[in-house]
Amino acid sequence: MRATSTRVFVYGTLRAGEPNHYLLDHHAIVRCACNEPTFELVSLGAFPAMVAGGATPVVGEVYDVDAVTLAALDRLEGHPRFYERRTFPSRRRRRGRGLRAADRTGA
């Protein structure tokens, strides 16, 4: 990971094969991961939101993104008014060490 990159955990419409993944097309996936079971994935109609206080691990993908891509993700998600970027530990979906990633959680 370069010093100017930010590691992000994405789920929902930003995952590979989903409609908003075009924002991440020029970035390689670091790994598939899930967070600790302290969130819940809920539907807000056209898109999901990850909210604190649940008991479900949310499965997603981790990417290292540059500042331009992070700004594009923030615009798409409405950060900081609609979505909030938070740092939390996540783990590989299979055996392995955890990692820390910024993620978008519903406000």
N, C-alpha and C. Protein backbone atom coordinates (compact mmCIF):
# COMPACT_ATOMS: atom_id res chain seq x y z
N MET A 1 0.85 -1.18 0.00
CA MET A 1 0.00 0.00 0.00
C MET A 1 0.89 1.24 0.00
N ARG A 2 0.63 2.15 -0.91
CA ARG A 2 1.40 3.39 -0.97
C ARG A 2 0.97 4.33 0.15
N ALA A 3 1.88 5.23 0.54
CA ALA A 3 1.60 6.17 1.63
C ALA A 3 0.42 7.08 1.31
N THR A 4 0.15 7.34 0.04
CA THR A 4 -0.95 8.23 -0.33
C THR A 4 -2.26 7.50 -0.58
N SER A 5 -2.33 6.23 -0.23
CA SER A 5 -3.56 5.48 -0.47
C SER A 5 -4.31 5.25 0.85
N THR A 6 -5.58 4.99 0.70
CA THR A 6 -6.46 4.67 1.82
C THR A 6 -7.08 3.32 1.56
N ARG A 7 -7.09 2.47 2.55
CA ARG A 7 -7.71 1.16 2.41
C ARG A 7 -9.19 1.29 2.76
N VAL A 8 -10.05 0.86 1.83
CA VAL A 8 -11.50 0.93 2.05
C VAL A 8 -12.13 -0.45 1.92
N PHE A 9 -13.13 -0.67 2.72
CA PHE A 9 -13.96 -1.87 2.70
C PHE A 9 -15.28 -1.47 2.06
N VAL A 10 -15.66 -2.14 0.98
CA VAL A 10 -16.90 -1.81 0.29
C VAL A 10 -17.83 -3.02 0.29
N TYR A 11 -19.10 -2.72 0.25
CA TYR A 11 -20.14 -3.74 0.21
C TYR A 11 -21.26 -3.18 -0.67
N GLY A 12 -22.22 -3.95 -0.98
CA GLY A 12 -23.37 -3.45 -1.75
C GLY A 12 -23.00 -3.05 -3.16
N THR A 13 -23.45 -1.87 -3.58
CA THR A 13 -23.33 -1.46 -4.98
C THR A 13 -21.92 -1.11 -5.43
N LEU A 14 -20.94 -1.10 -4.51
CA LEU A 14 -19.55 -0.83 -4.88
C LEU A 14 -18.74 -2.12 -5.13
N ARG A 15 -19.31 -3.27 -4.81
CA ARG A 15 -18.58 -4.53 -5.02
C ARG A 15 -18.48 -4.86 -6.50
N ALA A 16 -17.51 -5.68 -6.85
CA ALA A 16 -17.32 -6.11 -8.24
C ALA A 16 -18.63 -6.69 -8.78
N GLY A 17 -18.97 -6.26 -10.00
CA GLY A 17 -20.18 -6.74 -10.64
C GLY A 17 -21.42 -5.91 -10.31
N GLU A 18 -21.31 -4.97 -9.42
CA GLU A 18 -22.45 -4.13 -9.02
C GLU A 18 -22.36 -2.78 -9.74
N PRO A 19 -23.47 -2.03 -9.78
CA PRO A 19 -23.53 -0.83 -10.63
C PRO A 19 -22.53 0.28 -10.33
N ASN A 20 -22.11 0.46 -9.10
CA ASN A 20 -21.18 1.56 -8.79
C ASN A 20 -19.72 1.14 -8.74
N HIS A 21 -19.45 -0.11 -9.09
CA HIS A 21 -18.06 -0.59 -9.06
C HIS A 21 -17.17 0.13 -10.07
N TYR A 22 -17.76 0.79 -11.06
CA TYR A 22 -16.95 1.52 -12.06
C TYR A 22 -15.99 2.50 -11.39
N LEU A 23 -16.33 2.98 -10.19
CA LEU A 23 -15.43 3.90 -9.48
C LEU A 23 -14.15 3.21 -9.02
N LEU A 24 -14.20 1.89 -8.92
CA LEU A 24 -13.03 1.11 -8.45
C LEU A 24 -12.39 0.28 -9.55
N ASP A 25 -12.87 0.42 -10.78
CA ASP A 25 -12.37 -0.40 -11.88
C ASP A 25 -10.86 -0.35 -12.06
N HIS A 26 -10.23 0.77 -11.78
CA HIS A 26 -8.78 0.90 -11.99
C HIS A 26 -7.98 0.56 -10.73
N HIS A 27 -8.62 -0.04 -9.75
CA HIS A 27 -7.94 -0.48 -8.53
C HIS A 27 -8.08 -1.99 -8.38
N ALA A 28 -7.02 -2.64 -7.99
CA ALA A 28 -7.06 -4.09 -7.77
C ALA A 28 -7.62 -4.38 -6.38
N ILE A 29 -8.40 -5.42 -6.29
CA ILE A 29 -8.93 -5.83 -5.00
C ILE A 29 -7.78 -6.34 -4.13
N VAL A 30 -7.74 -5.94 -2.88
CA VAL A 30 -6.73 -6.42 -1.94
C VAL A 30 -7.14 -7.80 -1.44
N ARG A 31 -8.40 -7.92 -1.04
CA ARG A 31 -8.93 -9.20 -0.58
C ARG A 31 -10.41 -9.08 -0.30
N CYS A 32 -11.06 -10.22 -0.23
CA CYS A 32 -12.43 -10.27 0.29
C CYS A 32 -12.30 -10.34 1.80
N ALA A 33 -13.18 -9.67 2.50
CA ALA A 33 -13.08 -9.61 3.96
C ALA A 33 -14.48 -9.46 4.55
N CYS A 34 -14.54 -9.60 5.85
CA CYS A 34 -15.77 -9.30 6.58
C CYS A 34 -15.39 -8.62 7.88
N ASN A 35 -16.33 -7.87 8.44
CA ASN A 35 -16.05 -7.20 9.69
C ASN A 35 -16.48 -8.08 10.86
N GLU A 36 -16.18 -7.63 12.04
CA GLU A 36 -16.64 -8.34 13.23
C GLU A 36 -18.16 -8.24 13.30
N PRO A 37 -18.82 -9.18 13.94
CA PRO A 37 -20.29 -9.17 13.97
C PRO A 37 -20.87 -8.12 14.92
N THR A 38 -20.57 -6.86 14.64
CA THR A 38 -21.08 -5.76 15.46
C THR A 38 -21.87 -4.76 14.62
N PHE A 39 -22.17 -5.13 13.38
CA PHE A 39 -22.93 -4.28 12.47
C PHE A 39 -24.13 -5.07 11.95
N GLU A 40 -24.98 -4.40 11.25
CA GLU A 40 -26.12 -5.02 10.57
C GLU A 40 -26.23 -4.38 9.21
N LEU A 41 -26.50 -5.16 8.20
CA LEU A 41 -26.71 -4.64 6.85
C LEU A 41 -28.21 -4.46 6.68
N VAL A 42 -28.64 -3.23 6.39
CA VAL A 42 -30.06 -2.94 6.23
C VAL A 42 -30.30 -2.34 4.85
N SER A 43 -31.52 -2.48 4.38
CA SER A 43 -31.88 -1.93 3.08
C SER A 43 -32.45 -0.53 3.25
N LEU A 44 -31.93 0.40 2.44
CA LEU A 44 -32.49 1.75 2.39
C LEU A 44 -33.21 1.96 1.06
N GLY A 45 -33.72 0.87 0.51
CA GLY A 45 -34.42 0.93 -0.77
C GLY A 45 -33.51 0.55 -1.91
N ALA A 46 -32.92 1.56 -2.55
CA ALA A 46 -32.08 1.31 -3.72
C ALA A 46 -30.67 0.84 -3.36
N PHE A 47 -30.30 0.91 -2.08
CA PHE A 47 -28.94 0.54 -1.69
C PHE A 47 -28.93 0.12 -0.22
N PRO A 48 -27.90 -0.64 0.17
CA PRO A 48 -27.79 -1.08 1.55
C PRO A 48 -27.01 -0.08 2.41
N ALA A 49 -27.15 -0.22 3.70
CA ALA A 49 -26.35 0.55 4.65
C ALA A 49 -25.90 -0.38 5.77
N MET A 50 -24.70 -0.17 6.24
CA MET A 50 -24.16 -0.95 7.35
C MET A 50 -24.28 -0.09 8.60
N VAL A 51 -25.04 -0.57 9.58
CA VAL A 51 -25.27 0.22 10.78
C VAL A 51 -24.70 -0.51 11.99
N ALA A 52 -24.18 0.27 12.92
CA ALA A 52 -23.61 -0.29 14.15
C ALA A 52 -24.72 -0.82 15.05
N GLY A 53 -24.35 -1.75 15.91
CA GLY A 53 -25.30 -2.27 16.89
C GLY A 53 -25.91 -3.60 16.51
N GLY A 54 -25.48 -4.18 15.42
CA GLY A 54 -26.02 -5.46 15.00
C GLY A 54 -25.16 -6.62 15.49
N ALA A 55 -25.43 -7.78 14.95
CA ALA A 55 -24.69 -8.98 15.34
C ALA A 55 -24.30 -9.81 14.13
N THR A 56 -24.17 -9.15 12.98
CA THR A 56 -23.89 -9.86 11.74
C THR A 56 -22.59 -9.38 11.13
N PRO A 57 -21.70 -10.30 10.74
CA PRO A 57 -20.52 -9.86 9.98
C PRO A 57 -20.95 -9.52 8.55
N VAL A 58 -20.51 -8.37 8.05
CA VAL A 58 -20.85 -7.94 6.70
C VAL A 58 -19.69 -8.32 5.79
N VAL A 59 -20.00 -8.99 4.69
CA VAL A 59 -18.99 -9.44 3.73
C VAL A 59 -18.81 -8.36 2.67
N GLY A 60 -17.56 -8.10 2.32
CA GLY A 60 -17.29 -7.10 1.30
C GLY A 60 -15.92 -7.31 0.69
N GLU A 61 -15.43 -6.27 0.04
CA GLU A 61 -14.14 -6.29 -0.63
C GLU A 61 -13.30 -5.12 -0.15
N VAL A 62 -12.00 -5.33 -0.09
CA VAL A 62 -11.07 -4.29 0.38
C VAL A 62 -10.22 -3.83 -0.81
N TYR A 63 -10.11 -2.51 -0.94
CA TYR A 63 -9.32 -1.89 -2.00
C TYR A 63 -8.41 -0.84 -1.39
N ASP A 64 -7.25 -0.62 -1.99
CA ASP A 64 -6.41 0.54 -1.69
C ASP A 64 -6.74 1.57 -2.75
N VAL A 65 -7.19 2.75 -2.32
CA VAL A 65 -7.59 3.78 -3.28
C VAL A 65 -6.78 5.05 -3.09
N ASP A 66 -6.62 5.79 -4.17
CA ASP A 66 -5.93 7.07 -4.11
C ASP A 66 -6.90 8.16 -3.67
N ALA A 67 -6.39 9.36 -3.46
CA ALA A 67 -7.20 10.48 -2.96
C ALA A 67 -8.32 10.85 -3.93
N VAL A 68 -8.07 10.77 -5.23
CA VAL A 68 -9.08 11.10 -6.22
C VAL A 68 -10.25 10.12 -6.15
N THR A 69 -9.94 8.83 -6.03
CA THR A 69 -10.99 7.82 -5.94
C THR A 69 -11.74 7.94 -4.61
N LEU A 70 -11.02 8.20 -3.53
CA LEU A 70 -11.68 8.37 -2.24
C LEU A 70 -12.66 9.54 -2.29
N ALA A 71 -12.27 10.64 -2.93
CA ALA A 71 -13.17 11.78 -3.08
C ALA A 71 -14.40 11.41 -3.91
N ALA A 72 -14.21 10.60 -4.96
CA ALA A 72 -15.34 10.16 -5.79
C ALA A 72 -16.28 9.26 -4.98
N LEU A 73 -15.71 8.37 -4.16
CA LEU A 73 -16.54 7.53 -3.30
C LEU A 73 -17.31 8.39 -2.30
N ASP A 74 -16.65 9.39 -1.73
CA ASP A 74 -17.31 10.29 -0.78
C ASP A 74 -18.47 11.04 -1.43
N ARG A 75 -18.28 11.49 -2.68
CA ARG A 75 -19.37 12.17 -3.39
C ARG A 75 -20.54 11.23 -3.62
N LEU A 76 -20.24 10.02 -4.08
CA LEU A 76 -21.29 9.04 -4.33
C LEU A 76 -22.08 8.74 -3.05
N GLU A 77 -21.37 8.56 -1.97
CA GLU A 77 -22.00 8.15 -0.72
C GLU A 77 -22.56 9.31 0.11
N GLY A 78 -22.26 10.53 -0.26
CA GLY A 78 -22.75 11.67 0.50
C GLY A 78 -22.03 11.87 1.82
N HIS A 79 -20.75 11.52 1.86
CA HIS A 79 -19.94 11.70 3.08
C HIS A 79 -19.61 13.18 3.24
N PRO A 80 -19.76 13.76 4.40
CA PRO A 80 -20.07 13.15 5.70
C PRO A 80 -21.54 13.29 6.13
N ARG A 81 -22.40 13.85 5.28
CA ARG A 81 -23.78 14.08 5.71
C ARG A 81 -24.62 12.82 5.75
N PHE A 82 -24.52 11.98 4.72
CA PHE A 82 -25.39 10.81 4.63
C PHE A 82 -24.69 9.56 5.12
N TYR A 83 -23.45 9.38 4.71
CA TYR A 83 -22.65 8.25 5.15
C TYR A 83 -21.47 8.77 5.93
N GLU A 84 -20.97 7.92 6.80
CA GLU A 84 -19.83 8.28 7.65
C GLU A 84 -18.72 7.26 7.41
N ARG A 85 -17.52 7.74 7.19
CA ARG A 85 -16.38 6.86 7.04
C ARG A 85 -15.83 6.54 8.42
N ARG A 86 -15.65 5.26 8.74
CA ARG A 86 -15.13 4.86 10.05
C ARG A 86 -14.03 3.83 9.86
N THR A 87 -13.14 3.76 10.82
CA THR A 87 -12.09 2.74 10.81
C THR A 87 -12.47 1.65 11.78
N PHE A 88 -12.34 0.41 11.32
CA PHE A 88 -12.67 -0.73 12.17
C PHE A 88 -11.84 -1.92 11.73
N PRO A 89 -11.65 -2.89 12.63
CA PRO A 89 -10.92 -4.09 12.24
C PRO A 89 -11.80 -4.97 11.36
N SER A 90 -11.21 -5.58 10.37
CA SER A 90 -11.92 -6.57 9.57
C SER A 90 -11.02 -7.79 9.45
N ARG A 91 -11.55 -8.85 8.93
CA ARG A 91 -10.75 -10.07 8.80
C ARG A 91 -10.99 -10.68 7.42
N ARG A 92 -10.00 -11.45 7.01
CA ARG A 92 -10.16 -12.16 5.75
C ARG A 92 -11.32 -13.12 5.89
N ARG A 93 -11.96 -13.39 4.79
CA ARG A 93 -13.08 -14.33 4.83
C ARG A 93 -12.60 -15.73 5.13
N ARG A 94 -11.37 -16.02 4.81
CA ARG A 94 -10.78 -17.32 5.13
C ARG A 94 -9.64 -17.09 6.09
N ARG A 95 -8.94 -18.13 6.45
CA ARG A 95 -7.85 -18.01 7.41
C ARG A 95 -6.95 -16.82 7.09
N GLY A 96 -6.45 -16.19 8.12
CA GLY A 96 -5.52 -15.09 7.91
C GLY A 96 -5.65 -14.03 8.96
N ARG A 97 -4.74 -13.08 8.91
CA ARG A 97 -4.75 -11.98 9.86
C ARG A 97 -5.79 -10.95 9.47
N GLY A 98 -6.21 -10.19 10.45
CA GLY A 98 -7.16 -9.12 10.20
C GLY A 98 -6.48 -7.93 9.57
N LEU A 99 -7.25 -6.92 9.21
CA LEU A 99 -6.71 -5.70 8.66
C LEU A 99 -7.64 -4.58 9.12
N ARG A 100 -7.18 -3.36 8.97
CA ARG A 100 -8.03 -2.22 9.31
C ARG A 100 -8.41 -1.55 8.02
N ALA A 101 -9.65 -1.15 7.93
CA ALA A 101 -10.12 -0.51 6.72
C ALA A 101 -11.14 0.55 7.04
N ALA A 102 -11.11 1.62 6.27
CA ALA A 102 -12.17 2.61 6.37
C ALA A 102 -13.39 2.03 5.69
N ASP A 103 -14.54 2.35 6.19
CA ASP A 103 -15.76 1.84 5.58
C ASP A 103 -16.84 2.90 5.64
N ARG A 104 -17.83 2.72 4.82
CA ARG A 104 -18.95 3.63 4.81
C ARG A 104 -20.07 2.98 5.58
N THR A 105 -20.53 3.64 6.63
CA THR A 105 -21.64 3.12 7.41
C THR A 105 -22.77 4.12 7.38
N GLY A 106 -23.98 3.63 7.37
CA GLY A 106 -25.13 4.52 7.37
C GLY A 106 -25.14 5.41 8.59
N ALA A 107 -25.44 6.67 8.41
CA ALA A 107 -25.43 7.63 9.52
C ALA A 107 -26.69 7.52 10.34
